[in-house]
Amino acid sequence: MEIKNSEAVEMYSKVKEVLEKCSFKATVCFSIVKNKNKLKDIVATLEEARLIILENHAEKDNNGNAIIENNQYKVSDTNVLRKEIQTLFDKKVNVEFEKININDLGENEILGDYIDTLSYFFE
């Protein structure tokens, strides 16, 4: 399945929340955790790329190091930086989710927002 990096970030956050607030049978839980870890890898790669972009656009000191003020990179052209970061978040990635049979959710009461998030995993 192809999703945007921004969707992966949002989905990762929601899947973590689902796992914290809902209980599932072991096989369903295992599949959800595997999918969460796939999303976690995408989010980590995205963050690494974002930091490289920030480093590349940051103003440099006399030693060639990025200038950081108040825990933020000092950037002279924030519009170009924003466009590059947005391009990064809009980029699509292919992820093969572990499929879950919706019937395996059993009698659990699950909020609609959580079902929407988990729907990517249903076969």
PDB file of N, CA and C in Angstrom:
ATOM      1  N   MET A   1       0.842  -1.166   0.000  1.00  0.00           N
ATOM      2  CA  MET A   1       0.000   0.000   0.000  1.00  0.00           C
ATOM      3  C   MET A   1       0.890   1.232   0.000  1.00  0.00           C
ATOM      4  N   GLU A   2       0.488   2.241  -0.757  1.00  0.00           N
ATOM      5  CA  GLU A   2       1.229   3.477  -0.824  1.00  0.00           C
ATOM      6  C   GLU A   2       0.558   4.532   0.051  1.00  0.00           C
ATOM      7  N   ILE A   3       1.359   5.149   0.923  1.00  0.00           N
ATOM      8  CA  ILE A   3       0.859   6.223   1.771  1.00  0.00           C
ATOM      9  C   ILE A   3       1.885   7.347   1.786  1.00  0.00           C
ATOM     10  N   LYS A   4       1.424   8.548   2.110  1.00  0.00           N
ATOM     11  CA  LYS A   4       2.342   9.679   2.254  1.00  0.00           C
ATOM     12  C   LYS A   4       3.082   9.550   3.582  1.00  0.00           C
ATOM     13  N   ASN A   5       4.282  10.116   3.622  1.00  0.00           N
ATOM     14  CA  ASN A   5       5.032  10.142   4.875  1.00  0.00           C
ATOM     15  C   ASN A   5       4.223  10.809   5.983  1.00  0.00           C
ATOM     16  N   SER A   6       3.506  11.867   5.653  1.00  0.00           N
ATOM     17  CA  SER A   6       2.693  12.552   6.663  1.00  0.00           C
ATOM     18  C   SER A   6       1.609  11.630   7.212  1.00  0.00           C
ATOM     19  N   GLU A   7       1.046  10.773   6.366  1.00  0.00           N
ATOM     20  CA  GLU A   7       0.045   9.809   6.822  1.00  0.00           C
ATOM     21  C   GLU A   7       0.675   8.771   7.743  1.00  0.00           C
ATOM     22  N   ALA A   8       1.904   8.374   7.422  1.00  0.00           N
ATOM     23  CA  ALA A   8       2.604   7.398   8.262  1.00  0.00           C
ATOM     24  C   ALA A   8       2.835   7.951   9.659  1.00  0.00           C
ATOM     25  N   VAL A   9       3.192   9.234   9.747  1.00  0.00           N
ATOM     26  CA  VAL A   9       3.417   9.872  11.042  1.00  0.00           C
ATOM     27  C   VAL A   9       2.128   9.879  11.856  1.00  0.00           C
ATOM     28  N   GLU A  10       1.043  10.300  11.219  1.00  0.00           N
ATOM     29  CA  GLU A  10      -0.242  10.362  11.911  1.00  0.00           C
ATOM     30  C   GLU A  10      -0.719   8.964  12.312  1.00  0.00           C
ATOM     31  N   MET A  11      -0.576   8.020  11.392  1.00  0.00           N
ATOM     32  CA  MET A  11      -1.020   6.655  11.663  1.00  0.00           C
ATOM     33  C   MET A  11      -0.207   6.037  12.802  1.00  0.00           C
ATOM     34  N   TYR A  12       1.093   6.270  12.815  1.00  0.00           N
ATOM     35  CA  TYR A  12       1.954   5.735  13.870  1.00  0.00           C
ATOM     36  C   TYR A  12       1.473   6.219  15.238  1.00  0.00           C
ATOM     37  N   SER A  13       1.196   7.507  15.330  1.00  0.00           N
ATOM     38  CA  SER A  13       0.723   8.076  16.588  1.00  0.00           C
ATOM     39  C   SER A  13      -0.594   7.445  17.020  1.00  0.00           C
ATOM     40  N   LYS A  14      -1.514   7.282  16.082  1.00  0.00           N
ATOM     41  CA  LYS A  14      -2.816   6.719  16.412  1.00  0.00           C
ATOM     42  C   LYS A  14      -2.726   5.233  16.761  1.00  0.00           C
ATOM     43  N   VAL A  15      -1.878   4.494  16.066  1.00  0.00           N
ATOM     44  CA  VAL A  15      -1.729   3.061  16.367  1.00  0.00           C
ATOM     45  C   VAL A  15      -1.141   2.881  17.762  1.00  0.00           C
ATOM     46  N   LYS A  16      -0.188   3.721  18.138  1.00  0.00           N
ATOM     47  CA  LYS A  16       0.342   3.669  19.503  1.00  0.00           C
ATOM     48  C   LYS A  16      -0.773   3.883  20.515  1.00  0.00           C
ATOM     49  N   GLU A  17      -1.642   4.847  20.243  1.00  0.00           N
ATOM     50  CA  GLU A  17      -2.761   5.144  21.131  1.00  0.00           C
ATOM     51  C   GLU A  17      -3.736   3.971  21.198  1.00  0.00           C
ATOM     52  N   VAL A  18      -4.024   3.373  20.055  1.00  0.00           N
ATOM     53  CA  VAL A  18      -4.923   2.214  20.013  1.00  0.00           C
ATOM     54  C   VAL A  18      -4.372   1.097  20.897  1.00  0.00           C
ATOM     55  N   LEU A  19      -3.089   0.830  20.780  1.00  0.00           N
ATOM     56  CA  LEU A  19      -2.480  -0.246  21.569  1.00  0.00           C
ATOM     57  C   LEU A  19      -2.490   0.055  23.060  1.00  0.00           C
ATOM     58  N   GLU A  20      -2.422   1.340  23.419  1.00  0.00           N
ATOM     59  CA  GLU A  20      -2.442   1.724  24.827  1.00  0.00           C
ATOM     60  C   GLU A  20      -3.847   1.631  25.427  1.00  0.00           C
ATOM     61  N   LYS A  21      -4.878   1.874  24.613  1.00  0.00           N
ATOM     62  CA  LYS A  21      -6.234   2.015  25.143  1.00  0.00           C
ATOM     63  C   LYS A  21      -7.153   0.837  24.860  1.00  0.00           C
ATOM     64  N   CYS A  22      -6.754  -0.058  23.986  1.00  0.00           N
ATOM     65  CA  CYS A  22      -7.622  -1.182  23.627  1.00  0.00           C
ATOM     66  C   CYS A  22      -6.902  -2.493  23.927  1.00  0.00           C
ATOM     67  N   SER A  23      -7.686  -3.532  24.128  1.00  0.00           N
ATOM     68  CA  SER A  23      -7.079  -4.854  24.306  1.00  0.00           C
ATOM     69  C   SER A  23      -7.555  -5.753  23.166  1.00  0.00           C
ATOM     70  N   PHE A  24      -6.641  -6.583  22.710  1.00  0.00           N
ATOM     71  CA  PHE A  24      -6.912  -7.470  21.585  1.00  0.00           C
ATOM     72  C   PHE A  24      -6.409  -8.867  21.891  1.00  0.00           C
ATOM     73  N   LYS A  25      -6.904  -9.816  21.134  1.00  0.00           N
ATOM     74  CA  LYS A  25      -6.360 -11.169  21.222  1.00  0.00           C
ATOM     75  C   LYS A  25      -4.893 -11.102  20.813  1.00  0.00           C
ATOM     76  N   ALA A  26      -4.139 -12.081  21.264  1.00  0.00           N
ATOM     77  CA  ALA A  26      -2.695 -12.089  21.035  1.00  0.00           C
ATOM     78  C   ALA A  26      -2.335 -11.979  19.557  1.00  0.00           C
ATOM     79  N   THR A  27      -3.029 -12.719  18.690  1.00  0.00           N
ATOM     80  CA  THR A  27      -2.678 -12.699  17.267  1.00  0.00           C
ATOM     81  C   THR A  27      -2.954 -11.332  16.644  1.00  0.00           C
ATOM     82  N   VAL A  28      -4.050 -10.689  17.044  1.00  0.00           N
ATOM     83  CA  VAL A  28      -4.377  -9.361  16.535  1.00  0.00           C
ATOM     84  C   VAL A  28      -3.364  -8.347  17.060  1.00  0.00           C
ATOM     85  N   CYS A  29      -3.062  -8.432  18.336  1.00  0.00           N
ATOM     86  CA  CYS A  29      -2.086  -7.533  18.948  1.00  0.00           C
ATOM     87  C   CYS A  29      -0.731  -7.658  18.251  1.00  0.00           C
ATOM     88  N   PHE A  30      -0.319  -8.887  17.974  1.00  0.00           N
ATOM     89  CA  PHE A  30       0.964  -9.128  17.306  1.00  0.00           C
ATOM     90  C   PHE A  30       0.988  -8.454  15.940  1.00  0.00           C
ATOM     91  N   SER A  31      -0.087  -8.594  15.183  1.00  0.00           N
ATOM     92  CA  SER A  31      -0.160  -7.971  13.854  1.00  0.00           C
ATOM     93  C   SER A  31      -0.138  -6.453  13.953  1.00  0.00           C
ATOM     94  N   ILE A  32      -0.860  -5.898  14.905  1.00  0.00           N
ATOM     95  CA  ILE A  32      -0.884  -4.444  15.067  1.00  0.00           C
ATOM     96  C   ILE A  32       0.495  -3.932  15.454  1.00  0.00           C
ATOM     97  N   VAL A  33       1.177  -4.637  16.351  1.00  0.00           N
ATOM     98  CA  VAL A  33       2.520  -4.227  16.769  1.00  0.00           C
ATOM     99  C   VAL A  33       3.491  -4.305  15.585  1.00  0.00           C
ATOM    100  N   LYS A  34       3.391  -5.341  14.784  1.00  0.00           N
ATOM    101  CA  LYS A  34       4.251  -5.435  13.599  1.00  0.00           C
ATOM    102  C   LYS A  34       4.017  -4.246  12.670  1.00  0.00           C
ATOM    103  N   ASN A  35       2.757  -3.880  12.481  1.00  0.00           N
ATOM    104  CA  ASN A  35       2.434  -2.737  11.626  1.00  0.00           C
ATOM    105  C   ASN A  35       2.927  -1.429  12.238  1.00  0.00           C
ATOM    106  N   LYS A  36       2.795  -1.321  13.565  1.00  0.00           N
ATOM    107  CA  LYS A  36       3.298  -0.122  14.253  1.00  0.00           C
ATOM    108  C   LYS A  36       4.804   0.016  14.052  1.00  0.00           C
ATOM    109  N   ASN A  37       5.516  -1.100  14.116  1.00  0.00           N
ATOM    110  CA  ASN A  37       6.967  -1.062  13.939  1.00  0.00           C
ATOM    111  C   ASN A  37       7.359  -0.691  12.515  1.00  0.00           C
ATOM    112  N   LYS A  38       6.571  -1.100  11.532  1.00  0.00           N
ATOM    113  CA  LYS A  38       6.829  -0.689  10.144  1.00  0.00           C
ATOM    114  C   LYS A  38       6.659   0.828  10.023  1.00  0.00           C
ATOM    115  N   LEU A  39       5.617   1.339  10.648  1.00  0.00           N
ATOM    116  CA  LEU A  39       5.387   2.785  10.634  1.00  0.00           C
ATOM    117  C   LEU A  39       6.492   3.518  11.390  1.00  0.00           C
ATOM    118  N   LYS A  40       6.935   2.941  12.491  1.00  0.00           N
ATOM    119  CA  LYS A  40       8.007   3.544  13.293  1.00  0.00           C
ATOM    120  C   LYS A  40       9.281   3.694  12.457  1.00  0.00           C
ATOM    121  N   ASP A  41       9.587   2.693  11.644  1.00  0.00           N
ATOM    122  CA  ASP A  41      10.769   2.763  10.775  1.00  0.00           C
ATOM    123  C   ASP A  41      10.637   3.902   9.766  1.00  0.00           C
ATOM    124  N   ILE A  42       9.449   4.071   9.207  1.00  0.00           N
ATOM    125  CA  ILE A  42       9.214   5.164   8.255  1.00  0.00           C
ATOM    126  C   ILE A  42       9.374   6.508   8.952  1.00  0.00           C
ATOM    127  N   VAL A  43       8.789   6.632  10.140  1.00  0.00           N
ATOM    128  CA  VAL A  43       8.865   7.880  10.903  1.00  0.00           C
ATOM    129  C   VAL A  43      10.318   8.194  11.264  1.00  0.00           C
ATOM    130  N   ALA A  44      11.083   7.204  11.655  1.00  0.00           N
ATOM    131  CA  ALA A  44      12.491   7.422  12.013  1.00  0.00           C
ATOM    132  C   ALA A  44      13.302   7.871  10.790  1.00  0.00           C
ATOM    133  N   THR A  45      13.057   7.248   9.656  1.00  0.00           N
ATOM    134  CA  THR A  45      13.750   7.628   8.420  1.00  0.00           C
ATOM    135  C   THR A  45      13.362   9.039   8.010  1.00  0.00           C
ATOM    136  N   LEU A  46      12.098   9.353   8.141  1.00  0.00           N
ATOM    137  CA  LEU A  46      11.606  10.692   7.820  1.00  0.00           C
ATOM    138  C   LEU A  46      12.270  11.736   8.711  1.00  0.00           C
ATOM    139  N   GLU A  47      12.366  11.453   9.987  1.00  0.00           N
ATOM    140  CA  GLU A  47      12.991  12.393  10.925  1.00  0.00           C
ATOM    141  C   GLU A  47      14.471  12.583  10.594  1.00  0.00           C
ATOM    142  N   GLU A  48      15.149  11.508  10.244  1.00  0.00           N
ATOM    143  CA  GLU A  48      16.562  11.607   9.865  1.00  0.00           C
ATOM    144  C   GLU A  48      16.718  12.500   8.631  1.00  0.00           C
ATOM    145  N   ALA A  49      15.860  12.298   7.631  1.00  0.00           N
ATOM    146  CA  ALA A  49      15.915  13.119   6.420  1.00  0.00           C
ATOM    147  C   ALA A  49      15.583  14.581   6.731  1.00  0.00           C
ATOM    148  N   ARG A  50      14.610  14.797   7.600  1.00  0.00           N
ATOM    149  CA  ARG A  50      14.223  16.160   7.982  1.00  0.00           C
ATOM    150  C   ARG A  50      15.389  16.887   8.645  1.00  0.00           C
ATOM    151  N   LEU A  51      16.112  16.184   9.516  1.00  0.00           N
ATOM    152  CA  LEU A  51      17.255  16.807  10.195  1.00  0.00           C
ATOM    153  C   LEU A  51      18.389  17.132   9.218  1.00  0.00           C
ATOM    154  N   ILE A  52      18.586  16.273   8.232  1.00  0.00           N
ATOM    155  CA  ILE A  52      19.608  16.538   7.210  1.00  0.00           C
ATOM    156  C   ILE A  52      19.230  17.781   6.407  1.00  0.00           C
ATOM    157  N   ILE A  53      17.952  17.893   6.042  1.00  0.00           N
ATOM    158  CA  ILE A  53      17.486  19.069   5.305  1.00  0.00           C
ATOM    159  C   ILE A  53      17.692  20.329   6.149  1.00  0.00           C
ATOM    160  N   LEU A  54      17.357  20.254   7.437  1.00  0.00           N
ATOM    161  CA  LEU A  54      17.571  21.399   8.333  1.00  0.00           C
ATOM    162  C   LEU A  54      19.051  21.780   8.396  1.00  0.00           C
ATOM    163  N   GLU A  55      19.901  20.780   8.534  1.00  0.00           N
ATOM    164  CA  GLU A  55      21.351  21.026   8.579  1.00  0.00           C
ATOM    165  C   GLU A  55      21.817  21.714   7.299  1.00  0.00           C
ATOM    166  N   ASN A  56      21.324  21.235   6.166  1.00  0.00           N
ATOM    167  CA  ASN A  56      21.744  21.789   4.873  1.00  0.00           C
ATOM    168  C   ASN A  56      21.291  23.232   4.674  1.00  0.00           C
ATOM    169  N   HIS A  57      20.165  23.600   5.232  1.00  0.00           N
ATOM    170  CA  HIS A  57      19.626  24.956   5.055  1.00  0.00           C
ATOM    171  C   HIS A  57      19.999  25.906   6.178  1.00  0.00           C
ATOM    172  N   ALA A  58      20.593  25.386   7.221  1.00  0.00           N
ATOM    173  CA  ALA A  58      20.942  26.233   8.366  1.00  0.00           C
ATOM    174  C   ALA A  58      22.122  27.136   8.030  1.00  0.00           C
ATOM    175  N   GLU A  59      22.084  28.309   8.640  1.00  0.00           N
ATOM    176  CA  GLU A  59      23.245  29.179   8.550  1.00  0.00           C
ATOM    177  C   GLU A  59      24.385  28.511   9.310  1.00  0.00           C
ATOM    178  N   LYS A  60      25.599  28.754   8.860  1.00  0.00           N
ATOM    179  CA  LYS A  60      26.772  28.097   9.453  1.00  0.00           C
ATOM    180  C   LYS A  60      27.649  29.114  10.179  1.00  0.00           C
ATOM    181  N   ASP A  61      28.313  28.621  11.229  1.00  0.00           N
ATOM    182  CA  ASP A  61      29.273  29.462  11.933  1.00  0.00           C
ATOM    183  C   ASP A  61      30.614  29.407  11.196  1.00  0.00           C
ATOM    184  N   ASN A  62      31.645  30.011  11.766  1.00  0.00           N
ATOM    185  CA  ASN A  62      32.969  30.060  11.114  1.00  0.00           C
ATOM    186  C   ASN A  62      33.598  28.679  10.943  1.00  0.00           C
ATOM    187  N   ASN A  63      33.159  27.717  11.729  1.00  0.00           N
ATOM    188  CA  ASN A  63      33.701  26.356  11.630  1.00  0.00           C
ATOM    189  C   ASN A  63      32.870  25.474  10.693  1.00  0.00           C
ATOM    190  N   GLY A  64      31.839  26.045  10.096  1.00  0.00           N
ATOM    191  CA  GLY A  64      30.997  25.274   9.186  1.00  0.00           C
ATOM    192  C   GLY A  64      29.895  24.488   9.875  1.00  0.00           C
ATOM    193  N   ASN A  65      29.691  24.742  11.159  1.00  0.00           N
ATOM    194  CA  ASN A  65      28.634  24.053  11.903  1.00  0.00           C
ATOM    195  C   ASN A  65      27.326  24.848  11.841  1.00  0.00           C
ATOM    196  N   ALA A  66      26.226  24.130  11.842  1.00  0.00           N
ATOM    197  CA  ALA A  66      24.915  24.781  11.826  1.00  0.00           C
ATOM    198  C   ALA A  66      24.736  25.614  13.087  1.00  0.00           C
ATOM    199  N   ILE A  67      24.172  26.797  12.905  1.00  0.00           N
ATOM    200  CA  ILE A  67      23.893  27.680  14.036  1.00  0.00           C
ATOM    201  C   ILE A  67      22.526  27.307  14.598  1.00  0.00           C
ATOM    202  N   ILE A  68      22.509  27.024  15.906  1.00  0.00           N
ATOM    203  CA  ILE A  68      21.274  26.671  16.596  1.00  0.00           C
ATOM    204  C   ILE A  68      21.050  27.688  17.701  1.00  0.00           C
ATOM    205  N   GLU A  69      19.891  28.347  17.659  1.00  0.00           N
ATOM    206  CA  GLU A  69      19.527  29.323  18.678  1.00  0.00           C
ATOM    207  C   GLU A  69      18.181  28.935  19.260  1.00  0.00           C
ATOM    208  N   ASN A  70      18.077  28.927  20.568  1.00  0.00           N
ATOM    209  CA  ASN A  70      16.833  28.555  21.260  1.00  0.00           C
ATOM    210  C   ASN A  70      16.313  27.197  20.774  1.00  0.00           C
ATOM    211  N   ASN A  71      17.229  26.244  20.644  1.00  0.00           N
ATOM    212  CA  ASN A  71      16.905  24.875  20.205  1.00  0.00           C
ATOM    213  C   ASN A  71      16.321  24.804  18.796  1.00  0.00           C
ATOM    214  N   GLN A  72      16.590  25.819  17.966  1.00  0.00           N
ATOM    215  CA  GLN A  72      16.127  25.810  16.588  1.00  0.00           C
ATOM    216  C   GLN A  72      17.266  26.202  15.659  1.00  0.00           C
ATOM    217  N   TYR A  73      17.280  25.545  14.496  1.00  0.00           N
ATOM    218  CA  TYR A  73      18.273  25.900  13.493  1.00  0.00           C
ATOM    219  C   TYR A  73      17.992  27.311  12.995  1.00  0.00           C
ATOM    220  N   LYS A  74      19.043  28.086  12.822  1.00  0.00           N
ATOM    221  CA  LYS A  74      18.892  29.427  12.270  1.00  0.00           C
ATOM    222  C   LYS A  74      18.931  29.292  10.744  1.00  0.00           C
ATOM    223  N   VAL A  75      17.815  29.650  10.122  1.00  0.00           N
ATOM    224  CA  VAL A  75      17.660  29.497   8.672  1.00  0.00           C
ATOM    225  C   VAL A  75      17.274  30.849   8.097  1.00  0.00           C
ATOM    226  N   SER A  76      17.980  31.247   7.035  1.00  0.00           N
ATOM    227  CA  SER A  76      17.683  32.552   6.446  1.00  0.00           C
ATOM    228  C   SER A  76      16.486  32.490   5.488  1.00  0.00           C
ATOM    229  N   ASP A  77      16.343  31.412   4.737  1.00  0.00           N
ATOM    230  CA  ASP A  77      15.226  31.307   3.784  1.00  0.00           C
ATOM    231  C   ASP A  77      14.263  30.216   4.236  1.00  0.00           C
ATOM    232  N   THR A  78      13.345  30.595   5.111  1.00  0.00           N
ATOM    233  CA  THR A  78      12.421  29.606   5.671  1.00  0.00           C
ATOM    234  C   THR A  78      11.412  29.108   4.635  1.00  0.00           C
ATOM    235  N   ASN A  79      11.122  29.905   3.604  1.00  0.00           N
ATOM    236  CA  ASN A  79      10.176  29.462   2.571  1.00  0.00           C
ATOM    237  C   ASN A  79      10.712  28.261   1.806  1.00  0.00           C
ATOM    238  N   VAL A  80      11.969  28.315   1.429  1.00  0.00           N
ATOM    239  CA  VAL A  80      12.588  27.193   0.711  1.00  0.00           C
ATOM    240  C   VAL A  80      12.629  25.969   1.621  1.00  0.00           C
ATOM    241  N   LEU A  81      12.992  26.177   2.872  1.00  0.00           N
ATOM    242  CA  LEU A  81      13.040  25.085   3.841  1.00  0.00           C
ATOM    243  C   LEU A  81      11.662  24.450   3.998  1.00  0.00           C
ATOM    244  N   ARG A  82      10.629  25.285   4.183  1.00  0.00           N
ATOM    245  CA  ARG A  82       9.264  24.770   4.331  1.00  0.00           C
ATOM    246  C   ARG A  82       8.840  23.947   3.125  1.00  0.00           C
ATOM    247  N   LYS A  83       9.171  24.413   1.930  1.00  0.00           N
ATOM    248  CA  LYS A  83       8.805  23.689   0.705  1.00  0.00           C
ATOM    249  C   LYS A  83       9.494  22.323   0.649  1.00  0.00           C
ATOM    250  N   GLU A  84      10.764  22.290   1.011  1.00  0.00           N
ATOM    251  CA  GLU A  84      11.487  21.015   0.999  1.00  0.00           C
ATOM    252  C   GLU A  84      10.935  20.044   2.030  1.00  0.00           C
ATOM    253  N   ILE A  85      10.651  20.558   3.218  1.00  0.00           N
ATOM    254  CA  ILE A  85      10.082  19.704   4.271  1.00  0.00           C
ATOM    255  C   ILE A  85       8.706  19.206   3.832  1.00  0.00           C
ATOM    256  N   GLN A  86       7.904  20.087   3.238  1.00  0.00           N
ATOM    257  CA  GLN A  86       6.578  19.676   2.768  1.00  0.00           C
ATOM    258  C   GLN A  86       6.692  18.614   1.681  1.00  0.00           C
ATOM    259  N   THR A  87       7.648  18.772   0.784  1.00  0.00           N
ATOM    260  CA  THR A  87       7.886  17.766  -0.262  1.00  0.00           C
ATOM    261  C   THR A  87       8.233  16.428   0.367  1.00  0.00           C
ATOM    262  N   LEU A  88       9.043  16.468   1.408  1.00  0.00           N
ATOM    263  CA  LEU A  88       9.416  15.250   2.129  1.00  0.00           C
ATOM    264  C   LEU A  88       8.187  14.584   2.739  1.00  0.00           C
ATOM    265  N   PHE A  89       7.324  15.361   3.367  1.00  0.00           N
ATOM    266  CA  PHE A  89       6.137  14.808   4.014  1.00  0.00           C
ATOM    267  C   PHE A  89       5.088  14.344   3.000  1.00  0.00           C
ATOM    268  N   ASP A  90       5.103  14.941   1.801  1.00  0.00           N
ATOM    269  CA  ASP A  90       4.155  14.542   0.752  1.00  0.00           C
ATOM    270  C   ASP A  90       4.623  13.312  -0.027  1.00  0.00           C
ATOM    271  N   LYS A  91       5.899  12.988   0.088  1.00  0.00           N
ATOM    272  CA  LYS A  91       6.446  11.839  -0.635  1.00  0.00           C
ATOM    273  C   LYS A  91       5.739  10.563  -0.198  1.00  0.00           C
ATOM    274  N   LYS A  92       5.467   9.717  -1.178  1.00  0.00           N
ATOM    275  CA  LYS A  92       4.773   8.461  -0.874  1.00  0.00           C
ATOM    276  C   LYS A  92       5.785   7.341  -0.657  1.00  0.00           C
ATOM    277  N   VAL A  93       5.423   6.459   0.264  1.00  0.00           N
ATOM    278  CA  VAL A  93       6.226   5.275   0.550  1.00  0.00           C
ATOM    279  C   VAL A  93       5.327   4.053   0.433  1.00  0.00           C
ATOM    280  N   ASN A  94       5.935   2.958   0.074  1.00  0.00           N
ATOM    281  CA  ASN A  94       5.186   1.709  -0.036  1.00  0.00           C
ATOM    282  C   ASN A  94       5.405   0.904   1.238  1.00  0.00           C
ATOM    283  N   VAL A  95       4.311   0.513   1.858  1.00  0.00           N
ATOM    284  CA  VAL A  95       4.405  -0.289   3.081  1.00  0.00           C
ATOM    285  C   VAL A  95       3.404  -1.440   2.973  1.00  0.00           C
ATOM    286  N   GLU A  96       3.880  -2.620   3.278  1.00  0.00           N
ATOM    287  CA  GLU A  96       3.024  -3.811   3.249  1.00  0.00           C
ATOM    288  C   GLU A  96       2.617  -4.137   4.679  1.00  0.00           C
ATOM    289  N   PHE A  97       1.373  -3.819   4.999  1.00  0.00           N
ATOM    290  CA  PHE A  97       0.887  -4.076   6.348  1.00  0.00           C
ATOM    291  C   PHE A  97       0.498  -5.533   6.530  1.00  0.00           C
ATOM    292  N   GLU A  98       0.736  -6.008   7.745  1.00  0.00           N
ATOM    293  CA  GLU A  98       0.257  -7.331   8.165  1.00  0.00           C
ATOM    294  C   GLU A  98      -1.266  -7.242   8.213  1.00  0.00           C
ATOM    295  N   LYS A  99      -1.934  -8.141   7.532  1.00  0.00           N
ATOM    296  CA  LYS A  99      -3.396  -8.069   7.436  1.00  0.00           C
ATOM    297  C   LYS A  99      -4.074  -8.740   8.628  1.00  0.00           C
ATOM    298  N   ILE A 100      -5.199  -8.143   9.025  1.00  0.00           N
ATOM    299  CA  ILE A 100      -5.994  -8.620  10.149  1.00  0.00           C
ATOM    300  C   ILE A 100      -7.409  -8.864   9.648  1.00  0.00           C
ATOM    301  N   ASN A 101      -7.965  -9.993  10.032  1.00  0.00           N
ATOM    302  CA  ASN A 101      -9.365 -10.265   9.716  1.00  0.00           C
ATOM    303  C   ASN A 101     -10.211  -9.490  10.727  1.00  0.00           C
ATOM    304  N   ILE A 102     -11.115  -8.673  10.233  1.00  0.00           N
ATOM    305  CA  ILE A 102     -11.918  -7.824  11.123  1.00  0.00           C
ATOM    306  C   ILE A 102     -12.704  -8.651  12.140  1.00  0.00           C
ATOM    307  N   ASN A 103     -13.062  -9.872  11.786  1.00  0.00           N
ATOM    308  CA  ASN A 103     -13.787 -10.740  12.711  1.00  0.00           C
ATOM    309  C   ASN A 103     -12.934 -11.121  13.924  1.00  0.00           C
ATOM    310  N   ASP A 104     -11.613 -11.050  13.774  1.00  0.00           N
ATOM    311  CA  ASP A 104     -10.718 -11.384  14.880  1.00  0.00           C
ATOM    312  C   ASP A 104     -10.707 -10.319  15.977  1.00  0.00           C
ATOM    313  N   LEU A 105     -11.311  -9.156  15.685  1.00  0.00           N
ATOM    314  CA  LEU A 105     -11.394  -8.126  16.716  1.00  0.00           C
ATOM    315  C   LEU A 105     -12.351  -8.530  17.824  1.00  0.00           C
ATOM    316  N   GLY A 106     -13.244  -9.460  17.507  1.00  0.00           N
ATOM    317  CA  GLY A 106     -14.165  -9.987  18.514  1.00  0.00           C
ATOM    318  C   GLY A 106     -15.179  -8.963  18.961  1.00  0.00           C
ATOM    319  N   GLU A 107     -15.507  -9.040  20.229  1.00  0.00           N
ATOM    320  CA  GLU A 107     -16.561  -8.204  20.806  1.00  0.00           C
ATOM    321  C   GLU A 107     -16.035  -6.876  21.354  1.00  0.00           C
ATOM    322  N   ASN A 108     -14.780  -6.600  21.140  1.00  0.00           N
ATOM    323  CA  ASN A 108     -14.205  -5.361  21.680  1.00  0.00           C
ATOM    324  C   ASN A 108     -14.941  -4.134  21.165  1.00  0.00           C
ATOM    325  N   GLU A 109     -15.186  -3.194  22.061  1.00  0.00           N
ATOM    326  CA  GLU A 109     -15.738  -1.911  21.651  1.00  0.00           C
ATOM    327  C   GLU A 109     -14.559  -1.012  21.305  1.00  0.00           C
ATOM    328  N   ILE A 110     -14.565  -0.534  20.064  1.00  0.00           N
ATOM    329  CA  ILE A 110     -13.455   0.281  19.586  1.00  0.00           C
ATOM    330  C   ILE A 110     -14.022   1.563  18.988  1.00  0.00           C
ATOM    331  N   LEU A 111     -13.459   2.697  19.374  1.00  0.00           N
ATOM    332  CA  LEU A 111     -13.903   3.987  18.853  1.00  0.00           C
ATOM    333  C   LEU A 111     -13.774   4.025  17.337  1.00  0.00           C
ATOM    334  N   GLY A 112     -14.663   4.774  16.711  1.00  0.00           N
ATOM    335  CA  GLY A 112     -14.657   4.893  15.255  1.00  0.00           C
ATOM    336  C   GLY A 112     -13.339   5.380  14.700  1.00  0.00           C
ATOM    337  N   ASP A 113     -12.699   6.332  15.392  1.00  0.00           N
ATOM    338  CA  ASP A 113     -11.411   6.858  14.945  1.00  0.00           C
ATOM    339  C   ASP A 113     -10.355   5.752  14.944  1.00  0.00           C
ATOM    340  N   TYR A 114     -10.420   4.877  15.948  1.00  0.00           N
ATOM    341  CA  TYR A 114      -9.464   3.770  16.008  1.00  0.00           C
ATOM    342  C   TYR A 114      -9.731   2.762  14.898  1.00  0.00           C
ATOM    343  N   ILE A 115     -10.999   2.493  14.633  1.00  0.00           N
ATOM    344  CA  ILE A 115     -11.344   1.571  13.545  1.00  0.00           C
ATOM    345  C   ILE A 115     -10.850   2.137  12.223  1.00  0.00           C
ATOM    346  N   ASP A 116     -11.005   3.452  12.053  1.00  0.00           N
ATOM    347  CA  ASP A 116     -10.529   4.102  10.834  1.00  0.00           C
ATOM    348  C   ASP A 116      -9.026   3.887  10.676  1.00  0.00           C
ATOM    349  N   THR A 117      -8.293   4.054  11.763  1.00  0.00           N
ATOM    350  CA  THR A 117      -6.840   3.849  11.730  1.00  0.00           C
ATOM    351  C   THR A 117      -6.515   2.389  11.419  1.00  0.00           C
ATOM    352  N   LEU A 118      -7.186   1.480  12.092  1.00  0.00           N
ATOM    353  CA  LEU A 118      -6.910   0.057  11.883  1.00  0.00           C
ATOM    354  C   LEU A 118      -7.382  -0.447  10.526  1.00  0.00           C
ATOM    355  N   SER A 119      -8.266   0.286   9.874  1.00  0.00           N
ATOM    356  CA  SER A 119      -8.826  -0.186   8.598  1.00  0.00           C
ATOM    357  C   SER A 119      -7.753  -0.437   7.556  1.00  0.00           C
ATOM    358  N   TYR A 120      -6.627   0.240   7.654  1.00  0.00           N
ATOM    359  CA  TYR A 120      -5.514   0.009   6.737  1.00  0.00           C
ATOM    360  C   TYR A 120      -4.972  -1.414   6.873  1.00  0.00           C
ATOM    361  N   PHE A 121      -5.241  -2.028   8.010  1.00  0.00           N
ATOM    362  CA  PHE A 121      -4.696  -3.361   8.303  1.00  0.00           C
ATOM    363  C   PHE A 121      -5.664  -4.487   7.995  1.00  0.00           C
ATOM    364  N   PHE A 122      -6.928  -4.168   7.723  1.00  0.00           N
ATOM    365  CA  PHE A 122      -7.939  -5.194   7.509  1.00  0.00           C
ATOM    366  C   PHE A 122      -7.804  -5.824   6.132  1.00  0.00           C
ATOM    367  N   GLU A 123      -8.092  -7.146   6.098  1.00  0.00           N
ATOM    368  CA  GLU A 123      -8.104  -7.815   4.794  1.00  0.00           C
ATOM    369  C   GLU A 123      -9.504  -7.923   4.282  1.00  0.00           C
TER     370      GLU A 123
END
